[in-house]
Amino acid sequence: MELVISLLQQMCVYLVLAYMLSKTPIILPLLNISSRLSHRLICYVLFSAFCILGTYFGLHIDDAIANTRAIGAVMGGLFGGPVVGFFVGLTGGIHRYTLGGFTDLACAISTTAEGLIGGLLHVYLVKRNRVSQLFNPAVVLGITFFAEVVQMIILLIFAKPFDQAYALVSTIAAPMIISNSVGAALFMSILQDRKAIFEKYSATFSRRALTIADRCVGILHNGFNNETADKIARIVYEETQVGAVSITDREKILAYVGIGDDHHKPATKISSQSTLDAIAKNKIIYLDGKEHPYQCSLSPTCKLGSALIIPLRSGDEVVGTIKLYERKHKLFSTINMSMAEGIAQLLSSQILFSGYLQQKSLLTQVEIKLLQAQVNPHFLFNALNTISAVIRRDPDKARELIQNLSQFFRSNLKQNVRTVSLREELEHVNAYLSIEKARFTDRLNVDIAIDEALLETQLPSFTLQPLVENAIKHGISNLLEGGNVHIYSTPVAGGFEITVEDNAGCFSPPPDTHQGLGLEIVTKRLEHQFGRDSSLKIDSKQDAFTRMTFMIPASELSKGAKVGC
């Protein structure tokens, strides 16, 4: 019993060291079973040191040492696998062998065996996806108990003389088996608690971060301004539960929520030098209220005592800051400090994406304006000439043409949107064709055969009209008679094809002209809307036909539409 108590006392030193180590970053690799060489090296060094300490703390009995060395060997194998366990045990065994005694060889062999036993259990549990069992104190107690029994058997086999070895084992077997088994279990219990705390911390961080990210999605798509900044600030304030949250641009406060909102007013010019430094130097500034004092620049009676200032970026440019505050005598939690940096990265990405969307929207509008610009001048010129020629011989027809022209330009004004239905696009085309039919009279016939179920499908505005104009300008205008333009839909694998076909066959892609640019814009917008499979395809046979075709994917067809074949 005295030996058990003595070994348990040694074990307590072990456990104090284990507890102290659990508070340091060096223990973190042990909490996640990893095959990385650096982690295995840490495992080897750490548990080899425990092996050697266990020997030094041991009690000398009859030229032998009763010790807690097995804890280091078994734990090394459990965390590092058989290779690490073997070398941890070998290191501890060689050290014991250098101390001499009639059990030196037996102890060297048994310590190596104990490390290998822990490693074999590691392999068994990992292969069966039961890694969590490695952190189970009951499992550790059981494997250490088995390893210590194996050690006693090895002592009986290799220690000479046998009578002396038997007497030694009779004396130390029970105390060492009990103390090492219980010690290893308690050691693992300490690490398990540390692992549980770490996982709880990580879960809390992840849950809050995901909640903030989910609630913030899409808010900044409308730009980085007072309204959107206020929504973001309130979300961050609610989720982090800090004293206050502020968002600024480079010059003024955009939003403020929390303690001190009576004097931290939106639209107030930035007066804090720390905030200006964070913007100018693009770096995080933490004013903890102690080593780096914080004093509100707006009110001497402000209750805030610390601040974390993080720049917000759009690409490489700093566009503002997000600031988290805590009241006096209250420190920032590590979770909130880490989360604040993540929030700033999230907002920076959204600000950058918002800028991209705005530029994309402007580009779309420019493309539409360009398509309108290339239609309007020469079409208006031709239309006025046609009306001028008709007005003398048929005033009623001229009046009708003026109404059609008015309808066309009214339709043009409505086309200043990104997408329209196929029905609206056809109405726009019909308004255009009414003028062209009057200009070409019997030289132009138009046939439209579009499946009615496709009419509500959305497609980019100004898709059909440039194709019809191209058919007339580069095709029908070259014929003396019998010009036909056919607009029709055809079911194909994966959707429907829309085709604009003329019977002139005079088209060749014009290099570096406005017309070529117009078709290029049409195909680019089709690809953006529907994908590459929907890009504009042109097939032309001289003096026979020119077909311009694009596909509407089946996934884009109106919901509930029943499309016939």
Protein backbone atom coordinates (compact mmCIF):
# COMPACT_ATOMS: atom_id res chain seq x y z
CA MET A 1 0.00 0.00 0.00
CA GLU A 2 2.88 2.34 0.76
CA LEU A 3 4.28 1.71 -2.70
CA VAL A 4 0.89 2.41 -4.29
CA ILE A 5 0.65 5.72 -2.43
CA SER A 6 4.20 6.66 -3.42
CA LEU A 7 3.50 5.92 -7.09
CA LEU A 8 0.24 7.83 -6.95
CA GLN A 9 2.15 10.79 -5.56
CA GLN A 10 4.51 10.59 -8.55
CA MET A 11 1.46 10.35 -10.78
CA CYS A 12 0.14 13.60 -9.31
CA VAL A 13 3.29 15.37 -10.51
CA TYR A 14 2.59 13.87 -13.93
CA LEU A 15 -0.96 15.17 -13.87
CA VAL A 16 0.10 18.67 -12.82
CA LEU A 17 2.48 18.76 -15.77
CA ALA A 18 -0.28 17.43 -18.04
CA TYR A 19 -2.67 20.13 -16.82
CA MET A 20 -0.08 22.87 -17.40
CA LEU A 21 0.66 21.54 -20.88
CA SER A 22 -3.06 21.44 -21.71
CA LYS A 23 -3.11 25.23 -21.40
CA THR A 24 -0.39 25.69 -24.03
CA PRO A 25 -0.59 25.55 -27.86
CA ILE A 26 1.81 22.58 -27.89
CA ILE A 27 -1.01 20.26 -26.82
CA LEU A 28 -3.38 21.28 -29.65
CA PRO A 29 -1.97 18.81 -32.24
CA LEU A 30 -2.82 15.98 -29.81
CA LEU A 31 -6.49 16.98 -29.79
CA ASN A 32 -6.81 16.24 -33.52
CA ILE A 33 -5.38 12.91 -34.63
CA SER A 34 -3.16 13.83 -37.58
CA SER A 35 -0.65 12.10 -39.82
CA ARG A 36 1.36 15.27 -40.35
CA LEU A 37 5.07 14.82 -39.65
CA SER A 38 5.24 17.93 -37.46
CA HIS A 39 2.42 16.66 -35.24
CA ARG A 40 4.00 13.23 -34.90
CA LEU A 41 7.34 14.84 -34.01
CA ILE A 42 5.65 16.87 -31.26
CA CYS A 43 3.99 13.69 -30.01
CA TYR A 44 7.33 11.82 -29.96
CA VAL A 45 9.23 14.57 -28.11
CA LEU A 46 6.48 15.20 -25.57
CA PHE A 47 5.80 11.61 -24.54
CA SER A 48 9.45 10.60 -24.67
CA ALA A 49 10.02 13.34 -22.09
CA PHE A 50 7.20 11.90 -19.96
CA CYS A 51 8.81 8.44 -20.22
CA ILE A 52 12.15 9.75 -19.01
CA LEU A 53 10.52 11.78 -16.21
CA GLY A 54 8.61 8.69 -15.11
CA THR A 55 11.89 6.86 -14.68
CA TYR A 56 13.54 9.68 -12.72
CA PHE A 57 10.52 9.98 -10.41
CA GLY A 58 10.59 6.21 -9.77
CA LEU A 59 11.34 4.43 -6.50
CA HIS A 60 14.43 2.18 -6.22
CA ILE A 61 13.54 -1.31 -5.05
CA ASP A 62 16.08 -4.15 -4.93
CA ASP A 63 18.29 -2.75 -7.74
CA ALA A 64 15.16 -2.01 -9.80
CA ILE A 65 12.88 1.02 -10.27
CA ALA A 66 9.14 1.11 -9.65
CA ASN A 67 7.97 3.86 -11.99
CA THR A 68 5.20 5.53 -14.02
CA ARG A 69 7.14 5.36 -17.30
CA ALA A 70 4.37 3.34 -18.97
CA ILE A 71 2.03 6.35 -19.06
CA GLY A 72 4.30 8.18 -21.53
CA ALA A 73 4.89 5.09 -23.70
CA VAL A 74 1.24 4.04 -23.98
CA MET A 75 -0.02 7.61 -24.54
CA GLY A 76 2.63 8.18 -27.21
CA GLY A 77 1.37 5.14 -29.10
CA LEU A 78 -2.28 6.11 -28.68
CA PHE A 79 -1.78 9.60 -30.09
CA GLY A 80 0.98 8.99 -32.61
CA GLY A 81 0.37 5.47 -33.92
CA PRO A 82 2.63 2.41 -33.87
CA VAL A 83 5.74 4.08 -35.32
CA VAL A 84 5.66 6.98 -32.87
CA GLY A 85 4.71 4.61 -30.03
CA PHE A 86 7.61 2.32 -30.86
CA PHE A 87 10.16 5.13 -30.85
CA VAL A 88 8.74 6.75 -27.72
CA GLY A 89 8.98 3.38 -25.95
CA LEU A 90 12.45 2.74 -27.39
CA THR A 91 13.68 6.15 -26.24
CA GLY A 92 12.30 5.62 -22.74
CA GLY A 93 13.67 2.05 -22.74
CA ILE A 94 17.17 3.04 -23.80
CA HIS A 95 17.22 5.71 -21.12
CA ARG A 96 16.21 3.12 -18.51
CA TYR A 97 18.84 0.70 -19.83
CA THR A 98 21.59 3.28 -19.27
CA LEU A 99 20.72 3.39 -15.57
CA GLY A 100 21.70 -0.28 -15.16
CA GLY A 101 20.32 -2.87 -12.74
CA PHE A 102 19.34 -6.49 -13.27
CA THR A 103 16.05 -5.41 -14.98
CA ASP A 104 17.66 -2.92 -17.39
CA LEU A 105 17.24 -5.05 -20.56
CA ALA A 106 13.79 -6.31 -19.55
CA CYS A 107 12.60 -2.74 -18.84
CA ALA A 108 13.97 -1.50 -22.18
CA ILE A 109 12.10 -4.27 -24.02
CA SER A 110 8.88 -3.85 -22.01
CA THR A 111 8.77 -0.04 -22.43
CA THR A 112 9.19 -0.40 -26.19
CA ALA A 113 6.44 -3.04 -26.20
CA GLU A 114 4.09 -0.74 -24.26
CA GLY A 115 4.53 2.06 -26.80
CA LEU A 116 3.86 -0.43 -29.59
CA ILE A 117 0.72 -1.73 -27.84
CA GLY A 118 -0.68 1.81 -27.63
CA GLY A 119 0.13 2.34 -31.31
CA LEU A 120 -1.60 -0.86 -32.39
CA LEU A 121 -4.78 0.20 -30.58
CA HIS A 122 -4.49 3.56 -32.40
CA VAL A 123 -4.45 1.78 -35.77
CA TYR A 124 -7.36 -0.49 -34.79
CA LEU A 125 -9.63 2.39 -33.74
CA VAL A 126 -8.71 4.69 -36.66
CA LYS A 127 -9.38 2.00 -39.27
CA ARG A 128 -12.81 1.41 -37.77
CA ASN A 129 -13.64 5.15 -37.66
CA ARG A 130 -13.75 5.14 -33.88
CA VAL A 131 -11.18 7.87 -33.28
CA SER A 132 -13.25 9.33 -30.45
CA GLN A 133 -12.49 6.19 -28.42
CA LEU A 134 -8.84 7.25 -28.25
CA PHE A 135 -9.96 10.04 -25.90
CA ASN A 136 -12.04 7.71 -23.71
CA PRO A 137 -10.40 7.44 -20.24
CA ALA A 138 -11.91 3.95 -19.75
CA VAL A 139 -10.26 2.72 -22.97
CA VAL A 140 -6.95 4.25 -21.89
CA LEU A 141 -7.21 2.63 -18.47
CA GLY A 142 -7.85 -0.76 -20.09
CA ILE A 143 -4.98 -0.61 -22.60
CA THR A 144 -2.53 0.66 -19.96
CA PHE A 145 -3.62 -2.14 -17.62
CA PHE A 146 -2.93 -4.66 -20.41
CA ALA A 147 0.41 -3.05 -21.26
CA GLU A 148 1.53 -3.20 -17.62
CA VAL A 149 0.59 -6.88 -17.38
CA VAL A 150 2.70 -7.46 -20.51
CA GLN A 151 5.57 -5.58 -18.84
CA MET A 152 5.44 -7.85 -15.79
CA ILE A 153 5.53 -10.94 -18.02
CA ILE A 154 8.56 -9.56 -19.89
CA LEU A 155 10.30 -8.89 -16.59
CA LEU A 156 9.78 -12.53 -15.59
CA ILE A 157 11.11 -13.74 -18.95
CA PHE A 158 14.18 -11.50 -19.42
CA ALA A 159 15.28 -10.42 -15.92
CA LYS A 160 17.87 -12.71 -14.33
CA PRO A 161 18.04 -14.38 -11.88
CA PHE A 162 14.43 -15.51 -12.10
CA ASP A 163 13.94 -15.80 -8.31
CA GLN A 164 14.89 -12.16 -7.85
CA ALA A 165 12.71 -11.13 -10.81
CA TYR A 166 9.76 -13.06 -9.41
CA ALA A 167 10.16 -11.44 -6.01
CA LEU A 168 10.32 -7.99 -7.63
CA VAL A 169 7.21 -8.58 -9.75
CA SER A 170 5.34 -9.87 -6.71
CA THR A 171 6.15 -6.60 -4.96
CA ILE A 172 5.61 -4.02 -7.72
CA ALA A 173 3.04 -5.59 -10.05
CA ALA A 174 -0.14 -4.47 -8.32
CA PRO A 175 1.10 -0.96 -7.38
CA MET A 176 2.48 -0.23 -10.84
CA ILE A 177 -0.51 -1.65 -12.70
CA ILE A 178 -2.93 0.39 -10.57
CA SER A 179 -0.98 3.65 -10.53
CA ASN A 180 -0.08 3.61 -14.23
CA SER A 181 -3.58 2.62 -15.37
CA VAL A 182 -5.31 5.22 -13.21
CA GLY A 183 -2.68 7.84 -14.07
CA ALA A 184 -3.05 7.28 -17.81
CA ALA A 185 -6.85 7.50 -17.51
CA LEU A 186 -6.63 10.76 -15.52
CA PHE A 187 -4.05 12.14 -17.97
CA MET A 188 -6.46 11.44 -20.83
CA SER A 189 -9.34 12.92 -18.85
CA ILE A 190 -7.43 16.20 -18.61
CA LEU A 191 -6.81 16.19 -22.36
CA GLN A 192 -10.42 15.21 -23.04
CA ASP A 193 -11.65 18.19 -21.01
CA ARG A 194 -9.33 20.44 -22.97
CA LYS A 195 -10.64 18.94 -26.22
CA ALA A 196 -14.25 19.45 -25.11
CA ILE A 197 -13.56 23.11 -24.27
CA PHE A 198 -11.80 23.61 -27.60
CA GLU A 199 -14.67 22.04 -29.53
CA LYS A 200 -17.22 24.08 -27.61
CA TYR A 201 -15.25 27.23 -28.36
CA SER A 202 -15.01 26.28 -32.05
CA ALA A 203 -18.71 25.40 -32.23
CA THR A 204 -19.68 28.70 -30.62
CA PHE A 205 -17.44 30.62 -32.99
CA SER A 206 -18.69 28.73 -36.05
CA ARG A 207 -22.34 29.03 -35.07
CA ARG A 208 -22.12 32.77 -34.54
CA ALA A 209 -20.03 33.32 -37.64
CA LEU A 210 -22.42 31.30 -39.81
CA THR A 211 -25.43 33.12 -38.36
CA ILE A 212 -23.86 36.50 -39.08
CA ALA A 213 -22.86 35.42 -42.58
CA ASP A 214 -26.35 34.06 -43.29
CA ARG A 215 -28.08 37.22 -42.04
CA CYS A 216 -25.71 39.52 -43.94
CA VAL A 217 -25.98 37.79 -47.32
CA GLY A 218 -27.22 40.14 -50.01
CA ILE A 219 -27.50 43.26 -47.86
CA LEU A 220 -24.52 45.00 -49.44
CA HIS A 221 -25.68 44.19 -52.98
CA ASN A 222 -27.44 47.56 -52.86
CA GLY A 223 -24.17 49.34 -52.14
CA PHE A 224 -22.11 50.41 -49.13
CA ASN A 225 -24.21 53.21 -47.65
CA ASN A 226 -25.95 54.35 -44.46
CA GLU A 227 -28.94 52.05 -44.88
CA THR A 228 -27.01 48.85 -45.58
CA ALA A 229 -24.34 49.69 -42.97
CA ASP A 230 -27.06 50.13 -40.31
CA LYS A 231 -28.51 46.68 -41.08
CA ILE A 232 -25.06 45.07 -40.86
CA ALA A 233 -24.18 46.88 -37.62
CA ARG A 234 -27.39 45.72 -35.93
CA ILE A 235 -26.80 42.10 -36.97
CA VAL A 236 -23.21 42.12 -35.65
CA TYR A 237 -24.32 43.84 -32.42
CA GLU A 238 -27.05 41.27 -31.78
CA GLU A 239 -24.87 38.24 -32.50
CA THR A 240 -21.63 39.27 -30.76
CA GLN A 241 -23.30 41.04 -27.79
CA VAL A 242 -20.46 43.55 -27.54
CA GLY A 243 -20.95 47.02 -26.08
CA ALA A 244 -21.39 48.77 -29.43
CA VAL A 245 -20.76 48.38 -33.15
CA SER A 246 -19.89 51.13 -35.60
CA ILE A 247 -19.35 51.11 -39.37
CA THR A 248 -17.67 54.00 -41.16
CA ASP A 249 -16.59 54.92 -44.64
CA ARG A 250 -13.31 56.80 -45.09
CA GLU A 251 -14.74 60.09 -43.81
CA LYS A 252 -17.79 59.64 -41.58
CA ILE A 253 -19.83 57.29 -39.41
CA LEU A 254 -22.35 55.37 -41.53
CA ALA A 255 -24.03 53.43 -38.71
CA TYR A 256 -23.74 53.04 -34.94
CA VAL A 257 -25.58 50.70 -32.55
CA GLY A 258 -25.12 50.25 -28.80
CA ILE A 259 -23.69 52.14 -25.82
CA GLY A 260 -22.95 55.77 -26.67
CA ASP A 261 -25.45 56.07 -29.51
CA ASP A 262 -26.48 59.43 -28.02
CA HIS A 263 -23.25 61.04 -29.25
CA HIS A 264 -21.93 58.60 -31.91
CA LYS A 265 -24.31 59.83 -34.59
CA PRO A 266 -24.39 58.64 -38.23
CA ALA A 267 -23.01 61.26 -40.66
CA THR A 268 -20.64 62.52 -37.95
CA LYS A 269 -17.15 63.10 -39.34
CA ILE A 270 -14.49 60.65 -38.11
CA SER A 271 -12.55 62.33 -35.29
CA SER A 272 -10.68 59.33 -33.87
CA GLN A 273 -7.03 59.33 -34.89
CA SER A 274 -6.89 55.56 -34.36
CA THR A 275 -9.66 55.06 -36.94
CA LEU A 276 -7.92 57.36 -39.40
CA ASP A 277 -4.67 55.42 -38.85
CA ALA A 278 -6.43 52.09 -39.43
CA ILE A 279 -7.77 53.43 -42.75
CA ALA A 280 -4.51 55.05 -43.83
CA LYS A 281 -2.24 52.13 -42.86
CA ASN A 282 -4.73 49.34 -43.67
CA LYS A 283 -4.14 47.59 -40.34
CA ILE A 284 -6.15 46.34 -37.37
CA ILE A 285 -5.88 48.50 -34.26
CA TYR A 286 -6.84 47.17 -30.81
CA LEU A 287 -7.19 49.67 -27.98
CA ASP A 288 -7.51 47.43 -24.91
CA GLY A 289 -7.94 50.27 -22.43
CA LYS A 290 -4.77 49.32 -20.50
CA GLU A 291 -1.54 49.09 -22.46
CA HIS A 292 -3.21 50.94 -25.31
CA PRO A 293 -5.70 53.37 -23.74
CA TYR A 294 -8.98 54.24 -25.38
CA GLN A 295 -10.78 57.54 -24.91
CA CYS A 296 -13.88 58.45 -26.87
CA SER A 297 -13.12 61.48 -29.05
CA LEU A 298 -16.74 62.65 -29.03
CA SER A 299 -17.65 62.65 -25.32
CA PRO A 300 -15.50 62.66 -22.15
CA THR A 301 -18.29 60.85 -20.27
CA CYS A 302 -18.60 57.98 -22.77
CA LYS A 303 -18.94 54.60 -21.03
CA LEU A 304 -16.88 52.74 -23.63
CA GLY A 305 -13.43 51.63 -22.52
CA SER A 306 -11.91 49.58 -25.36
CA ALA A 307 -12.20 49.35 -29.14
CA LEU A 308 -11.23 47.01 -31.96
CA ILE A 309 -10.91 48.79 -35.32
CA ILE A 310 -10.73 46.67 -38.49
CA PRO A 311 -10.41 48.09 -42.02
CA LEU A 312 -13.00 47.17 -44.67
CA ARG A 313 -11.56 46.69 -48.12
CA SER A 314 -12.80 46.56 -51.68
CA GLY A 315 -9.95 44.70 -53.31
CA ASP A 316 -6.76 46.50 -52.23
CA GLU A 317 -8.52 49.75 -51.39
CA VAL A 318 -9.69 50.53 -47.84
CA VAL A 319 -13.26 51.86 -48.08
CA GLY A 320 -14.07 52.13 -44.36
CA THR A 321 -13.93 50.35 -41.01
CA ILE A 322 -16.00 48.20 -38.71
CA LYS A 323 -15.43 48.98 -35.02
CA LEU A 324 -16.42 46.86 -32.02
CA TYR A 325 -16.49 48.45 -28.57
CA GLU A 326 -16.71 47.16 -25.00
CA ARG A 327 -17.67 49.14 -21.91
CA LYS A 328 -15.05 50.16 -19.35
CA HIS A 329 -13.60 47.36 -17.16
CA LYS A 330 -14.77 44.69 -19.62
CA LEU A 331 -12.30 42.99 -21.95
CA PHE A 332 -13.00 41.62 -25.41
CA SER A 333 -13.55 37.87 -25.50
CA THR A 334 -11.20 35.94 -27.75
CA ILE A 335 -14.23 34.69 -29.70
CA ASN A 336 -15.40 38.21 -30.47
CA MET A 337 -11.92 39.38 -31.46
CA SER A 338 -11.43 36.47 -33.86
CA MET A 339 -14.96 36.79 -35.14
CA ALA A 340 -14.57 40.50 -35.78
CA GLU A 341 -11.72 39.81 -38.19
CA GLY A 342 -13.83 37.19 -39.97
CA ILE A 343 -16.78 39.59 -40.17
CA ALA A 344 -14.53 42.25 -41.68
CA GLN A 345 -13.32 39.80 -44.33
CA LEU A 346 -16.91 38.78 -45.08
CA LEU A 347 -18.06 42.40 -45.44
CA SER A 348 -15.02 43.28 -47.55
CA SER A 349 -15.86 40.43 -49.93
CA GLN A 350 -19.49 41.57 -50.11
CA ILE A 351 -18.46 45.17 -50.76
CA LEU A 352 -16.19 44.00 -53.58
CA PHE A 353 -18.97 41.82 -55.01
CA SER A 354 -21.44 44.71 -54.71
CA GLY A 355 -19.09 46.88 -56.77
CA TYR A 356 -18.83 44.11 -59.33
CA LEU A 357 -22.64 43.84 -59.58
CA GLN A 358 -22.97 47.60 -60.01
CA GLN A 359 -20.35 47.61 -62.77
CA LYS A 360 -22.05 44.64 -64.38
CA SER A 361 -25.41 46.40 -64.28
CA LEU A 362 -23.89 49.52 -65.83
CA LEU A 363 -22.28 47.39 -68.54
CA THR A 364 -25.63 45.76 -69.30
CA GLN A 365 -27.27 49.16 -69.66
CA VAL A 366 -24.46 50.33 -71.92
CA GLU A 367 -24.87 47.24 -74.11
CA ILE A 368 -28.61 47.86 -74.40
CA LYS A 369 -28.01 51.53 -75.25
CA LEU A 370 -25.45 50.50 -77.86
CA LEU A 371 -27.92 48.11 -79.49
CA GLN A 372 -30.58 50.83 -79.46
CA ALA A 373 -28.16 53.39 -80.87
CA GLN A 374 -27.23 51.24 -83.85
CA VAL A 375 -30.93 50.57 -84.60
CA ASN A 376 -32.37 54.04 -84.19
CA PRO A 377 -30.37 56.30 -86.56
CA HIS A 378 -30.54 54.44 -89.86
CA PHE A 379 -33.94 52.89 -89.07
CA LEU A 380 -35.41 56.32 -88.31
CA PHE A 381 -33.88 57.68 -91.51
CA ASN A 382 -35.38 54.85 -93.60
CA ALA A 383 -38.75 55.11 -91.81
CA LEU A 384 -39.05 58.85 -92.42
CA ASN A 385 -38.13 58.41 -96.06
CA THR A 386 -40.77 55.70 -96.40
CA ILE A 387 -43.46 57.86 -94.72
CA SER A 388 -42.45 60.81 -96.89
CA ALA A 389 -42.96 58.72 -100.03
CA VAL A 390 -46.33 57.33 -98.85
CA ILE A 391 -47.84 60.48 -97.40
CA ARG A 392 -48.76 62.05 -100.76
CA ARG A 393 -50.44 59.04 -102.35
CA ASP A 394 -51.92 57.40 -99.22
CA PRO A 395 -52.28 59.71 -96.18
CA ASP A 396 -54.13 57.05 -94.17
CA LYS A 397 -51.31 54.59 -94.72
CA ALA A 398 -48.80 57.28 -93.76
CA ARG A 399 -50.76 57.95 -90.55
CA GLU A 400 -50.70 54.22 -89.77
CA LEU A 401 -46.94 54.09 -90.36
CA ILE A 402 -46.39 57.04 -88.01
CA GLN A 403 -48.37 55.20 -85.34
CA ASN A 404 -46.28 52.07 -85.94
CA LEU A 405 -43.11 54.14 -85.70
CA SER A 406 -44.35 55.65 -82.45
CA GLN A 407 -45.13 52.17 -81.12
CA PHE A 408 -41.65 50.98 -82.05
CA PHE A 409 -39.91 53.77 -80.17
CA ARG A 410 -42.29 53.40 -77.23
CA SER A 411 -41.37 49.72 -77.17
CA ASN A 412 -37.71 50.74 -77.33
CA LEU A 413 -38.13 52.78 -74.17
CA LYS A 414 -39.62 49.74 -72.41
CA GLN A 415 -36.63 47.67 -73.42
CA ASN A 416 -34.31 49.43 -70.95
CA VAL A 417 -34.42 46.36 -68.74
CA ARG A 418 -32.16 43.33 -68.58
CA THR A 419 -34.72 40.67 -69.54
CA VAL A 420 -38.13 40.59 -71.19
CA SER A 421 -40.54 37.84 -72.13
CA LEU A 422 -40.38 36.32 -75.60
CA ARG A 423 -43.90 37.71 -76.15
CA GLU A 424 -42.68 41.28 -75.50
CA GLU A 425 -39.65 40.74 -77.71
CA LEU A 426 -41.90 39.60 -80.57
CA GLU A 427 -44.16 42.66 -80.12
CA HIS A 428 -41.07 44.84 -80.44
CA VAL A 429 -40.02 42.94 -83.59
CA ASN A 430 -43.53 43.31 -85.10
CA ALA A 431 -43.43 47.07 -84.53
CA TYR A 432 -40.12 47.17 -86.37
CA LEU A 433 -41.33 44.93 -89.20
CA SER A 434 -44.45 47.02 -89.82
CA ILE A 435 -42.20 49.87 -90.97
CA GLU A 436 -39.88 47.64 -92.97
CA LYS A 437 -42.81 45.96 -94.77
CA ALA A 438 -44.02 49.38 -95.89
CA ARG A 439 -40.52 50.22 -97.16
CA PHE A 440 -39.97 46.97 -99.07
CA THR A 441 -43.67 46.43 -100.00
CA ASP A 442 -43.94 43.15 -101.95
CA ARG A 443 -40.24 42.37 -101.59
CA LEU A 444 -40.62 41.34 -97.93
CA ASN A 445 -42.78 38.59 -96.48
CA VAL A 446 -42.54 37.61 -92.79
CA ASP A 447 -43.69 34.35 -91.21
CA ILE A 448 -43.63 33.90 -87.43
CA ALA A 449 -44.18 30.42 -85.96
CA ILE A 450 -43.26 30.37 -82.27
CA ASP A 451 -44.71 27.76 -79.89
CA GLU A 452 -47.15 29.62 -77.62
CA ALA A 453 -45.80 27.83 -74.56
CA LEU A 454 -42.51 29.69 -75.03
CA LEU A 455 -44.01 33.17 -75.05
CA GLU A 456 -43.61 33.86 -71.32
CA THR A 457 -40.01 32.65 -71.20
CA GLN A 458 -37.56 35.37 -70.17
CA LEU A 459 -34.64 36.20 -72.44
CA PRO A 460 -32.23 39.17 -72.75
CA SER A 461 -33.90 42.27 -74.16
CA PHE A 462 -32.92 43.24 -77.72
CA THR A 463 -32.22 39.64 -78.73
CA LEU A 464 -34.51 39.10 -81.76
CA GLN A 465 -34.68 42.60 -83.23
CA PRO A 466 -30.95 42.80 -84.14
CA LEU A 467 -31.22 39.37 -85.81
CA VAL A 468 -34.29 40.40 -87.83
CA GLU A 469 -32.66 43.69 -88.78
CA ASN A 470 -29.54 41.81 -89.90
CA ALA A 471 -31.68 39.49 -92.07
CA ILE A 472 -33.30 42.46 -93.79
CA LYS A 473 -30.25 44.71 -94.09
CA HIS A 474 -27.78 42.05 -95.26
CA GLY A 475 -30.26 39.74 -96.95
CA ILE A 476 -33.65 40.93 -98.18
CA SER A 477 -32.39 44.37 -99.22
CA ASN A 478 -30.21 42.63 -101.84
CA LEU A 479 -33.16 40.83 -103.49
CA LEU A 480 -35.31 42.34 -106.18
CA GLU A 481 -38.30 40.23 -105.19
CA GLY A 482 -39.48 37.28 -103.10
CA GLY A 483 -37.73 38.15 -99.87
CA ASN A 484 -38.83 35.94 -96.96
CA VAL A 485 -37.98 36.17 -93.25
CA HIS A 486 -39.02 33.19 -91.14
CA ILE A 487 -38.96 33.35 -87.32
CA TYR A 488 -39.68 29.97 -85.77
CA SER A 489 -39.04 27.62 -82.83
CA THR A 490 -37.85 24.03 -83.01
CA PRO A 491 -37.78 21.45 -80.17
CA VAL A 492 -34.28 20.00 -79.65
CA ALA A 493 -32.56 17.91 -77.01
CA GLY A 494 -32.31 20.08 -73.92
CA GLY A 495 -34.73 22.81 -74.94
CA PHE A 496 -35.97 24.83 -77.91
CA GLU A 497 -34.10 26.59 -80.69
CA ILE A 498 -35.27 30.01 -81.90
CA THR A 499 -34.27 30.74 -85.51
CA VAL A 500 -34.38 33.85 -87.67
CA GLU A 501 -33.95 32.78 -91.31
CA ASP A 502 -33.90 34.71 -94.58
CA ASN A 503 -33.80 33.31 -98.12
CA ALA A 504 -31.13 35.63 -99.49
CA GLY A 505 -27.98 33.92 -98.21
CA CYS A 506 -25.95 37.10 -98.52
CA PHE A 507 -24.58 37.32 -94.98
CA SER A 508 -20.89 37.31 -94.15
CA PRO A 509 -19.62 38.44 -90.73
CA PRO A 510 -18.56 42.07 -91.25
CA PRO A 511 -15.21 42.80 -89.54
CA ASP A 512 -14.94 45.75 -87.15
CA THR A 513 -18.38 47.24 -87.84
CA HIS A 514 -21.22 48.26 -85.59
CA GLN A 515 -23.36 45.45 -86.98
CA GLY A 516 -20.71 42.86 -86.10
CA LEU A 517 -20.46 44.36 -82.63
CA GLY A 518 -24.24 44.16 -82.25
CA LEU A 519 -24.30 40.41 -82.95
CA GLU A 520 -21.33 39.95 -80.62
CA ILE A 521 -23.24 41.68 -77.81
CA VAL A 522 -26.32 39.55 -78.50
CA THR A 523 -24.38 36.28 -78.27
CA LYS A 524 -22.50 37.38 -75.15
CA ARG A 525 -25.75 38.26 -73.36
CA LEU A 526 -27.32 34.97 -74.42
CA GLU A 527 -24.34 33.05 -73.02
CA HIS A 528 -24.54 34.98 -69.78
CA GLN A 529 -28.26 34.33 -69.43
CA PHE A 530 -28.46 30.69 -70.55
CA GLY A 531 -24.89 29.35 -70.80
CA ARG A 532 -22.49 28.61 -73.63
CA ASP A 533 -24.82 26.10 -75.27
CA SER A 534 -27.17 28.99 -76.06
CA SER A 535 -24.64 31.13 -77.92
CA LEU A 536 -25.72 32.54 -81.28
CA LYS A 537 -24.98 30.22 -84.23
CA ILE A 538 -24.94 31.49 -87.80
CA ASP A 539 -25.28 29.21 -90.81
CA SER A 540 -25.28 30.78 -94.28
CA LYS A 541 -25.38 29.31 -97.81
CA GLN A 542 -24.76 31.72 -100.65
CA ASP A 543 -27.95 32.69 -102.53
CA ALA A 544 -29.96 30.16 -100.49
CA PHE A 545 -30.39 31.07 -96.81
CA THR A 546 -28.91 32.60 -93.68
CA ARG A 547 -30.00 31.12 -90.33
CA MET A 548 -29.26 32.73 -86.97
CA THR A 549 -30.14 30.36 -84.13
CA PHE A 550 -29.94 30.31 -80.35
CA MET A 551 -31.28 27.84 -77.80
CA ILE A 552 -33.54 28.38 -74.81
CA PRO A 553 -32.75 25.58 -72.30
CA ALA A 554 -35.64 23.48 -71.01
CA SER A 555 -34.84 24.67 -67.48
CA GLU A 556 -35.71 28.24 -68.51
CA LEU A 557 -39.16 27.47 -69.87
CA SER A 558 -42.07 28.99 -67.99
CA LYS A 559 -43.26 26.96 -65.02
CA GLY A 560 -46.24 24.82 -65.79
CA ALA A 561 -45.89 25.31 -69.54
CA LYS A 562 -46.72 22.29 -71.67
CA VAL A 563 -44.63 22.51 -74.76
CA GLY A 564 -45.78 20.54 -77.78
CA CYS A 565 -43.49 18.99 -80.31
